Amino acid sequence: MADTIKGKLTEAGNAVTETAKKVGNRISEKAEEVKDWANEKLHKAENKADEAADKAKNAADVARDEAKAKDKECGGCS
């Protein structure tokens, strides 16, 4: 324990500095967790969008093939 005012102020300053470092580290850790969570959600959304696009393309391909088959059956009738 410091006996002088200067010593007490130095100890208090050191304590504040240490606490600030701990808080900064904690904030940094949480920010990293948030970034990882956001990236995970982004990848999931991208995957869902890709799956929906593939499903739509497959449905369009099936519809086109069915239309061609129908057109062949009726010989181009209207």
PDB file of N, CA and C in Angstrom:
ATOM      1  N   MET A   1       0.855  -1.167   0.000  1.00  0.00           N
ATOM      2  CA  MET A   1       0.000   0.000   0.000  1.00  0.00           C
ATOM      3  C   MET A   1       0.902   1.231   0.000  1.00  0.00           C
ATOM      4  N   ALA A   2       0.545   2.177  -0.827  1.00  0.00           N
ATOM      5  CA  ALA A   2       1.354   3.394  -0.942  1.00  0.00           C
ATOM      6  C   ALA A   2       1.082   4.324   0.242  1.00  0.00           C
ATOM      7  N   ASP A   3       2.151   4.996   0.657  1.00  0.00           N
ATOM      8  CA  ASP A   3       2.033   5.906   1.801  1.00  0.00           C
ATOM      9  C   ASP A   3       1.809   7.349   1.361  1.00  0.00           C
ATOM     10  N   THR A   4       2.153   7.655   0.121  1.00  0.00           N
ATOM     11  CA  THR A   4       2.023   9.041  -0.340  1.00  0.00           C
ATOM     12  C   THR A   4       0.832   9.171  -1.290  1.00  0.00           C
ATOM     13  N   ILE A   5       0.423  10.411  -1.490  1.00  0.00           N
ATOM     14  CA  ILE A   5      -0.689  10.666  -2.420  1.00  0.00           C
ATOM     15  C   ILE A   5      -0.279  10.252  -3.836  1.00  0.00           C
ATOM     16  N   LYS A   6       0.960  10.553  -4.175  1.00  0.00           N
ATOM     17  CA  LYS A   6       1.454  10.181  -5.514  1.00  0.00           C
ATOM     18  C   LYS A   6       1.399   8.667  -5.676  1.00  0.00           C
ATOM     19  N   GLY A   7       1.804   7.942  -4.668  1.00  0.00           N
ATOM     20  CA  GLY A   7       1.778   6.482  -4.716  1.00  0.00           C
ATOM     21  C   GLY A   7       0.356   5.943  -4.822  1.00  0.00           C
ATOM     22  N   LYS A   8      -0.544   6.547  -4.053  1.00  0.00           N
ATOM     23  CA  LYS A   8      -1.948   6.121  -4.105  1.00  0.00           C
ATOM     24  C   LYS A   8      -2.553   6.391  -5.473  1.00  0.00           C
ATOM     25  N   LEU A   9      -2.245   7.561  -6.041  1.00  0.00           N
ATOM     26  CA  LEU A   9      -2.744   7.892  -7.382  1.00  0.00           C
ATOM     27  C   LEU A   9      -2.175   6.931  -8.432  1.00  0.00           C
ATOM     28  N   THR A  10      -0.922   6.576  -8.281  1.00  0.00           N
ATOM     29  CA  THR A  10      -0.297   5.640  -9.205  1.00  0.00           C
ATOM     30  C   THR A  10      -0.976   4.279  -9.120  1.00  0.00           C
ATOM     31  N   GLU A  11      -1.226   3.808  -7.906  1.00  0.00           N
ATOM     32  CA  GLU A  11      -1.906   2.520  -7.726  1.00  0.00           C
ATOM     33  C   GLU A  11      -3.322   2.570  -8.308  1.00  0.00           C
ATOM     34  N   ALA A  12      -4.018   3.675  -8.064  1.00  0.00           N
ATOM     35  CA  ALA A  12      -5.375   3.813  -8.605  1.00  0.00           C
ATOM     36  C   ALA A  12      -5.340   3.833 -10.133  1.00  0.00           C
ATOM     37  N   GLY A  13      -4.389   4.552 -10.681  1.00  0.00           N
ATOM     38  CA  GLY A  13      -4.237   4.604 -12.142  1.00  0.00           C
ATOM     39  C   GLY A  13      -3.938   3.237 -12.716  1.00  0.00           C
ATOM     40  N   ASN A  14      -3.071   2.495 -12.044  1.00  0.00           N
ATOM     41  CA  ASN A  14      -2.744   1.143 -12.501  1.00  0.00           C
ATOM     42  C   ASN A  14      -3.966   0.230 -12.440  1.00  0.00           C
ATOM     43  N   ALA A  15      -4.759   0.369 -11.390  1.00  0.00           N
ATOM     44  CA  ALA A  15      -5.972  -0.447 -11.242  1.00  0.00           C
ATOM     45  C   ALA A  15      -6.966  -0.118 -12.350  1.00  0.00           C
ATOM     46  N   VAL A  16      -7.118   1.172 -12.652  1.00  0.00           N
ATOM     47  CA  VAL A  16      -8.023   1.584 -13.729  1.00  0.00           C
ATOM     48  C   VAL A  16      -7.523   1.056 -15.068  1.00  0.00           C
ATOM     49  N   THR A  17      -6.231   1.144 -15.292  1.00  0.00           N
ATOM     50  CA  THR A  17      -5.645   0.654 -16.542  1.00  0.00           C
ATOM     51  C   THR A  17      -5.873  -0.844 -16.695  1.00  0.00           C
ATOM     52  N   GLU A  18      -5.643  -1.585 -15.634  1.00  0.00           N
ATOM     53  CA  GLU A  18      -5.834  -3.043 -15.675  1.00  0.00           C
ATOM     54  C   GLU A  18      -7.293  -3.391 -15.956  1.00  0.00           C
ATOM     55  N   THR A  19      -8.204  -2.701 -15.303  1.00  0.00           N
ATOM     56  CA  THR A  19      -9.633  -2.951 -15.513  1.00  0.00           C
ATOM     57  C   THR A  19     -10.024  -2.607 -16.947  1.00  0.00           C
ATOM     58  N   ALA A  20      -9.507  -1.510 -17.458  1.00  0.00           N
ATOM     59  CA  ALA A  20      -9.808  -1.111 -18.832  1.00  0.00           C
ATOM     60  C   ALA A  20      -9.299  -2.155 -19.826  1.00  0.00           C
ATOM     61  N   LYS A  21      -8.129  -2.707 -19.564  1.00  0.00           N
ATOM     62  CA  LYS A  21      -7.594  -3.752 -20.439  1.00  0.00           C
ATOM     63  C   LYS A  21      -8.491  -4.986 -20.413  1.00  0.00           C
ATOM     64  N   LYS A  22      -8.943  -5.366 -19.209  1.00  0.00           N
ATOM     65  CA  LYS A  22      -9.819  -6.530 -19.086  1.00  0.00           C
ATOM     66  C   LYS A  22     -11.128  -6.307 -19.831  1.00  0.00           C
ATOM     67  N   VAL A  23     -11.698  -5.106 -19.675  1.00  0.00           N
ATOM     68  CA  VAL A  23     -12.949  -4.778 -20.361  1.00  0.00           C
ATOM     69  C   VAL A  23     -12.733  -4.796 -21.872  1.00  0.00           C
ATOM     70  N   GLY A  24     -11.641  -4.222 -22.320  1.00  0.00           N
ATOM     71  CA  GLY A  24     -11.324  -4.209 -23.748  1.00  0.00           C
ATOM     72  C   GLY A  24     -11.176  -5.615 -24.305  1.00  0.00           C
ATOM     73  N   ASN A  25     -10.516  -6.477 -23.563  1.00  0.00           N
ATOM     74  CA  ASN A  25     -10.352  -7.863 -24.010  1.00  0.00           C
ATOM     75  C   ASN A  25     -11.698  -8.582 -24.082  1.00  0.00           C
ATOM     76  N   ARG A  26     -12.528  -8.332 -23.087  1.00  0.00           N
ATOM     77  CA  ARG A  26     -13.860  -8.962 -23.053  1.00  0.00           C
ATOM     78  C   ARG A  26     -14.706  -8.484 -24.240  1.00  0.00           C
ATOM     79  N   ILE A  27     -14.653  -7.195 -24.522  1.00  0.00           N
ATOM     80  CA  ILE A  27     -15.391  -6.644 -25.663  1.00  0.00           C
ATOM     81  C   ILE A  27     -14.875  -7.259 -26.963  1.00  0.00           C
ATOM     82  N   SER A  28     -13.576  -7.382 -27.070  1.00  0.00           N
ATOM     83  CA  SER A  28     -12.972  -7.972 -28.264  1.00  0.00           C
ATOM     84  C   SER A  28     -13.425  -9.419 -28.452  1.00  0.00           C
ATOM     85  N   GLU A  29     -13.455 -10.177 -27.359  1.00  0.00           N
ATOM     86  CA  GLU A  29     -13.908 -11.570 -27.432  1.00  0.00           C
ATOM     87  C   GLU A  29     -15.367 -11.655 -27.882  1.00  0.00           C
ATOM     88  N   LYS A  30     -16.209 -10.807 -27.314  1.00  0.00           N
ATOM     89  CA  LYS A  30     -17.630 -10.821 -27.674  1.00  0.00           C
ATOM     90  C   LYS A  30     -17.828 -10.374 -29.121  1.00  0.00           C
ATOM     91  N   ALA A  31     -17.049  -9.391 -29.556  1.00  0.00           N
ATOM     92  CA  ALA A  31     -17.145  -8.937 -30.940  1.00  0.00           C
ATOM     93  C   ALA A  31     -16.773 -10.076 -31.896  1.00  0.00           C
ATOM     94  N   GLU A  32     -15.778 -10.846 -31.544  1.00  0.00           N
ATOM     95  CA  GLU A  32     -15.379 -11.997 -32.359  1.00  0.00           C
ATOM     96  C   GLU A  32     -16.501 -13.035 -32.403  1.00  0.00           C
ATOM     97  N   GLU A  33     -17.145 -13.267 -31.263  1.00  0.00           N
ATOM     98  CA  GLU A  33     -18.266 -14.206 -31.217  1.00  0.00           C
ATOM     99  C   GLU A  33     -19.411 -13.723 -32.108  1.00  0.00           C
ATOM    100  N   VAL A  34     -19.693 -12.429 -32.061  1.00  0.00           N
ATOM    101  CA  VAL A  34     -20.764 -11.860 -32.889  1.00  0.00           C
ATOM    102  C   VAL A  34     -20.415 -12.005 -34.367  1.00  0.00           C
ATOM    103  N   LYS A  35     -19.172 -11.753 -34.714  1.00  0.00           N
ATOM    104  CA  LYS A  35     -18.732 -11.886 -36.104  1.00  0.00           C
ATOM    105  C   LYS A  35     -18.896 -13.328 -36.579  1.00  0.00           C
ATOM    106  N   ASP A  36     -18.492 -14.280 -35.757  1.00  0.00           N
ATOM    107  CA  ASP A  36     -18.622 -15.693 -36.114  1.00  0.00           C
ATOM    108  C   ASP A  36     -20.090 -16.081 -36.278  1.00  0.00           C
ATOM    109  N   TRP A  37     -20.930 -15.609 -35.362  1.00  0.00           N
ATOM    110  CA  TRP A  37     -22.372 -15.900 -35.425  1.00  0.00           C
ATOM    111  C   TRP A  37     -22.968 -15.326 -36.707  1.00  0.00           C
ATOM    112  N   ALA A  38     -22.606 -14.085 -37.027  1.00  0.00           N
ATOM    113  CA  ALA A  38     -23.135 -13.438 -38.234  1.00  0.00           C
ATOM    114  C   ALA A  38     -22.674 -14.172 -39.492  1.00  0.00           C
ATOM    115  N   ASN A  39     -21.427 -14.595 -39.519  1.00  0.00           N
ATOM    116  CA  ASN A  39     -20.925 -15.347 -40.675  1.00  0.00           C
ATOM    117  C   ASN A  39     -21.664 -16.676 -40.830  1.00  0.00           C
ATOM    118  N   GLU A  40     -21.934 -17.332 -39.706  1.00  0.00           N
ATOM    119  CA  GLU A  40     -22.673 -18.596 -39.747  1.00  0.00           C
ATOM    120  C   GLU A  40     -24.077 -18.379 -40.322  1.00  0.00           C
ATOM    121  N   LYS A  41     -24.752 -17.330 -39.843  1.00  0.00           N
ATOM    122  CA  LYS A  41     -26.102 -17.028 -40.337  1.00  0.00           C
ATOM    123  C   LYS A  41     -26.069 -16.661 -41.813  1.00  0.00           C
ATOM    124  N   LEU A  42     -25.051 -15.925 -42.241  1.00  0.00           N
ATOM    125  CA  LEU A  42     -24.903 -15.551 -43.643  1.00  0.00           C
ATOM    126  C   LEU A  42     -24.735 -16.788 -44.518  1.00  0.00           C
ATOM    127  N   HIS A  43     -23.893 -17.716 -44.091  1.00  0.00           N
ATOM    128  CA  HIS A  43     -23.671 -18.936 -44.867  1.00  0.00           C
ATOM    129  C   HIS A  43     -24.949 -19.774 -44.945  1.00  0.00           C
ATOM    130  N   LYS A  44     -25.685 -19.835 -43.850  1.00  0.00           N
ATOM    131  CA  LYS A  44     -26.949 -20.577 -43.875  1.00  0.00           C
ATOM    132  C   LYS A  44     -27.921 -19.941 -44.862  1.00  0.00           C
ATOM    133  N   ALA A  45     -27.997 -18.619 -44.845  1.00  0.00           N
ATOM    134  CA  ALA A  45     -28.896 -17.910 -45.760  1.00  0.00           C
ATOM    135  C   ALA A  45     -28.467 -18.120 -47.209  1.00  0.00           C
ATOM    136  N   GLU A  46     -27.165 -18.073 -47.458  1.00  0.00           N
ATOM    137  CA  GLU A  46     -26.663 -18.310 -48.818  1.00  0.00           C
ATOM    138  C   GLU A  46     -27.019 -19.718 -49.276  1.00  0.00           C
ATOM    139  N   ASN A  47     -26.869 -20.694 -48.381  1.00  0.00           N
ATOM    140  CA  ASN A  47     -27.191 -22.071 -48.736  1.00  0.00           C
ATOM    141  C   ASN A  47     -28.676 -22.221 -49.046  1.00  0.00           C
ATOM    142  N   LYS A  48     -29.529 -21.583 -48.244  1.00  0.00           N
ATOM    143  CA  LYS A  48     -30.971 -21.649 -48.500  1.00  0.00           C
ATOM    144  C   LYS A  48     -31.309 -20.999 -49.834  1.00  0.00           C
ATOM    145  N   ALA A  49     -30.678 -19.877 -50.133  1.00  0.00           N
ATOM    146  CA  ALA A  49     -30.919 -19.194 -51.408  1.00  0.00           C
ATOM    147  C   ALA A  49     -30.470 -20.072 -52.568  1.00  0.00           C
ATOM    148  N   ASP A  50     -29.333 -20.718 -52.444  1.00  0.00           N
ATOM    149  CA  ASP A  50     -28.845 -21.617 -53.496  1.00  0.00           C
ATOM    150  C   ASP A  50     -29.800 -22.792 -53.690  1.00  0.00           C
ATOM    151  N   GLU A  51     -30.285 -23.353 -52.581  1.00  0.00           N
ATOM    152  CA  GLU A  51     -31.225 -24.469 -52.673  1.00  0.00           C
ATOM    153  C   GLU A  51     -32.520 -24.040 -53.354  1.00  0.00           C
ATOM    154  N   ALA A  52     -33.015 -22.847 -53.018  1.00  0.00           N
ATOM    155  CA  ALA A  52     -34.240 -22.345 -53.632  1.00  0.00           C
ATOM    156  C   ALA A  52     -34.035 -22.107 -55.126  1.00  0.00           C
ATOM    157  N   ALA A  53     -32.885 -21.573 -55.491  1.00  0.00           N
ATOM    158  CA  ALA A  53     -32.581 -21.336 -56.903  1.00  0.00           C
ATOM    159  C   ALA A  53     -32.502 -22.666 -57.660  1.00  0.00           C
ATOM    160  N   ASP A  54     -31.865 -23.659 -57.069  1.00  0.00           N
ATOM    161  CA  ASP A  54     -31.779 -24.977 -57.704  1.00  0.00           C
ATOM    162  C   ASP A  54     -33.164 -25.603 -57.861  1.00  0.00           C
ATOM    163  N   LYS A  55     -33.987 -25.467 -56.837  1.00  0.00           N
ATOM    164  CA  LYS A  55     -35.336 -26.022 -56.884  1.00  0.00           C
ATOM    165  C   LYS A  55     -36.148 -25.344 -57.987  1.00  0.00           C
ATOM    166  N   ALA A  56     -36.034 -24.028 -58.093  1.00  0.00           N
ATOM    167  CA  ALA A  56     -36.758 -23.292 -59.134  1.00  0.00           C
ATOM    168  C   ALA A  56     -36.265 -23.685 -60.519  1.00  0.00           C
ATOM    169  N   LYS A  57     -34.965 -23.843 -60.669  1.00  0.00           N
ATOM    170  CA  LYS A  57     -34.407 -24.242 -61.969  1.00  0.00           C
ATOM    171  C   LYS A  57     -34.882 -25.640 -62.344  1.00  0.00           C
ATOM    172  N   ASN A  58     -34.890 -26.542 -61.375  1.00  0.00           N
ATOM    173  CA  ASN A  58     -35.353 -27.900 -61.645  1.00  0.00           C
ATOM    174  C   ASN A  58     -36.825 -27.907 -62.047  1.00  0.00           C
ATOM    175  N   ALA A  59     -37.626 -27.106 -61.362  1.00  0.00           N
ATOM    176  CA  ALA A  59     -39.048 -27.027 -61.694  1.00  0.00           C
ATOM    177  C   ALA A  59     -39.224 -26.463 -63.099  1.00  0.00           C
ATOM    178  N   ALA A  60     -38.441 -25.463 -63.453  1.00  0.00           N
ATOM    179  CA  ALA A  60     -38.523 -24.884 -64.801  1.00  0.00           C
ATOM    180  C   ALA A  60     -38.099 -25.901 -65.850  1.00  0.00           C
ATOM    181  N   ASP A  61     -37.066 -26.670 -65.561  1.00  0.00           N
ATOM    182  CA  ASP A  61     -36.602 -27.698 -66.502  1.00  0.00           C
ATOM    183  C   ASP A  61     -37.679 -28.761 -66.707  1.00  0.00           C
ATOM    184  N   VAL A  62     -38.316 -29.182 -65.629  1.00  0.00           N
ATOM    185  CA  VAL A  62     -39.373 -30.188 -65.719  1.00  0.00           C
ATOM    186  C   VAL A  62     -40.538 -29.633 -66.534  1.00  0.00           C
ATOM    187  N   ALA A  63     -40.931 -28.405 -66.269  1.00  0.00           N
ATOM    188  CA  ALA A  63     -42.040 -27.796 -66.999  1.00  0.00           C
ATOM    189  C   ALA A  63     -41.708 -27.678 -68.483  1.00  0.00           C
ATOM    190  N   ARG A  64     -40.485 -27.292 -68.800  1.00  0.00           N
ATOM    191  CA  ARG A  64     -40.066 -27.179 -70.205  1.00  0.00           C
ATOM    192  C   ARG A  64     -40.100 -28.547 -70.876  1.00  0.00           C
ATOM    193  N   ASP A  65     -39.579 -29.561 -70.197  1.00  0.00           N
ATOM    194  CA  ASP A  65     -39.572 -30.904 -70.771  1.00  0.00           C
ATOM    195  C   ASP A  65     -40.990 -31.429 -70.975  1.00  0.00           C
ATOM    196  N   GLU A  66     -41.873 -31.153 -70.023  1.00  0.00           N
ATOM    197  CA  GLU A  66     -43.270 -31.581 -70.162  1.00  0.00           C
ATOM    198  C   GLU A  66     -43.951 -30.858 -71.321  1.00  0.00           C
ATOM    199  N   ALA A  67     -43.626 -29.587 -71.472  1.00  0.00           N
ATOM    200  CA  ALA A  67     -44.211 -28.821 -72.574  1.00  0.00           C
ATOM    201  C   ALA A  67     -43.724 -29.357 -73.919  1.00  0.00           C
ATOM    202  N   LYS A  68     -42.459 -29.711 -74.010  1.00  0.00           N
ATOM    203  CA  LYS A  68     -41.927 -30.279 -75.252  1.00  0.00           C
ATOM    204  C   LYS A  68     -42.591 -31.612 -75.560  1.00  0.00           C
ATOM    205  N   ALA A  69     -42.759 -32.432 -74.509  1.00  0.00           N
ATOM    206  CA  ALA A  69     -43.375 -33.734 -74.715  1.00  0.00           C
ATOM    207  C   ALA A  69     -44.836 -33.569 -75.165  1.00  0.00           C
ATOM    208  N   LYS A  70     -45.532 -32.637 -74.589  1.00  0.00           N
ATOM    209  CA  LYS A  70     -46.928 -32.384 -74.966  1.00  0.00           C
ATOM    210  C   LYS A  70     -47.003 -31.881 -76.399  1.00  0.00           C
ATOM    211  N   ASP A  71     -46.070 -31.018 -76.755  1.00  0.00           N
ATOM    212  CA  ASP A  71     -46.031 -30.466 -78.106  1.00  0.00           C
ATOM    213  C   ASP A  71     -45.790 -31.579 -79.134  1.00  0.00           C
ATOM    214  N   LYS A  72     -44.924 -32.527 -78.788  1.00  0.00           N
ATOM    215  CA  LYS A  72     -44.660 -33.656 -79.699  1.00  0.00           C
ATOM    216  C   LYS A  72     -45.878 -34.541 -79.838  1.00  0.00           C
ATOM    217  N   GLU A  73     -46.619 -34.742 -78.735  1.00  0.00           N
ATOM    218  CA  GLU A  73     -47.795 -35.606 -78.759  1.00  0.00           C
ATOM    219  C   GLU A  73     -48.877 -35.074 -79.672  1.00  0.00           C
ATOM    220  N   CYS A  74     -49.078 -33.766 -79.636  1.00  0.00           N
ATOM    221  CA  CYS A  74     -50.176 -33.219 -80.435  1.00  0.00           C
ATOM    222  C   CYS A  74     -49.680 -32.758 -81.802  1.00  0.00           C
ATOM    223  N   GLY A  75     -48.405 -32.843 -82.042  1.00  0.00           N
ATOM    224  CA  GLY A  75     -47.868 -32.486 -83.342  1.00  0.00           C
ATOM    225  C   GLY A  75     -47.887 -31.004 -83.630  1.00  0.00           C
ATOM    226  N   GLY A  76     -47.767 -30.187 -82.615  1.00  0.00           N
ATOM    227  CA  GLY A  76     -47.710 -28.737 -82.805  1.00  0.00           C
ATOM    228  C   GLY A  76     -49.088 -28.117 -82.920  1.00  0.00           C
ATOM    229  N   CYS A  77     -50.115 -28.814 -82.493  1.00  0.00           N
ATOM    230  CA  CYS A  77     -51.473 -28.252 -82.580  1.00  0.00           C
ATOM    231  C   CYS A  77     -51.669 -27.093 -81.640  1.00  0.00           C
ATOM    232  N   SER A  78     -52.649 -26.271 -81.931  1.00  0.00           N
ATOM    233  CA  SER A  78     -52.900 -25.110 -81.095  1.00  0.00           C
ATOM    234  C   SER A  78     -54.190 -25.256 -80.350  1.00  0.00           C
TER     235      SER A  78
END
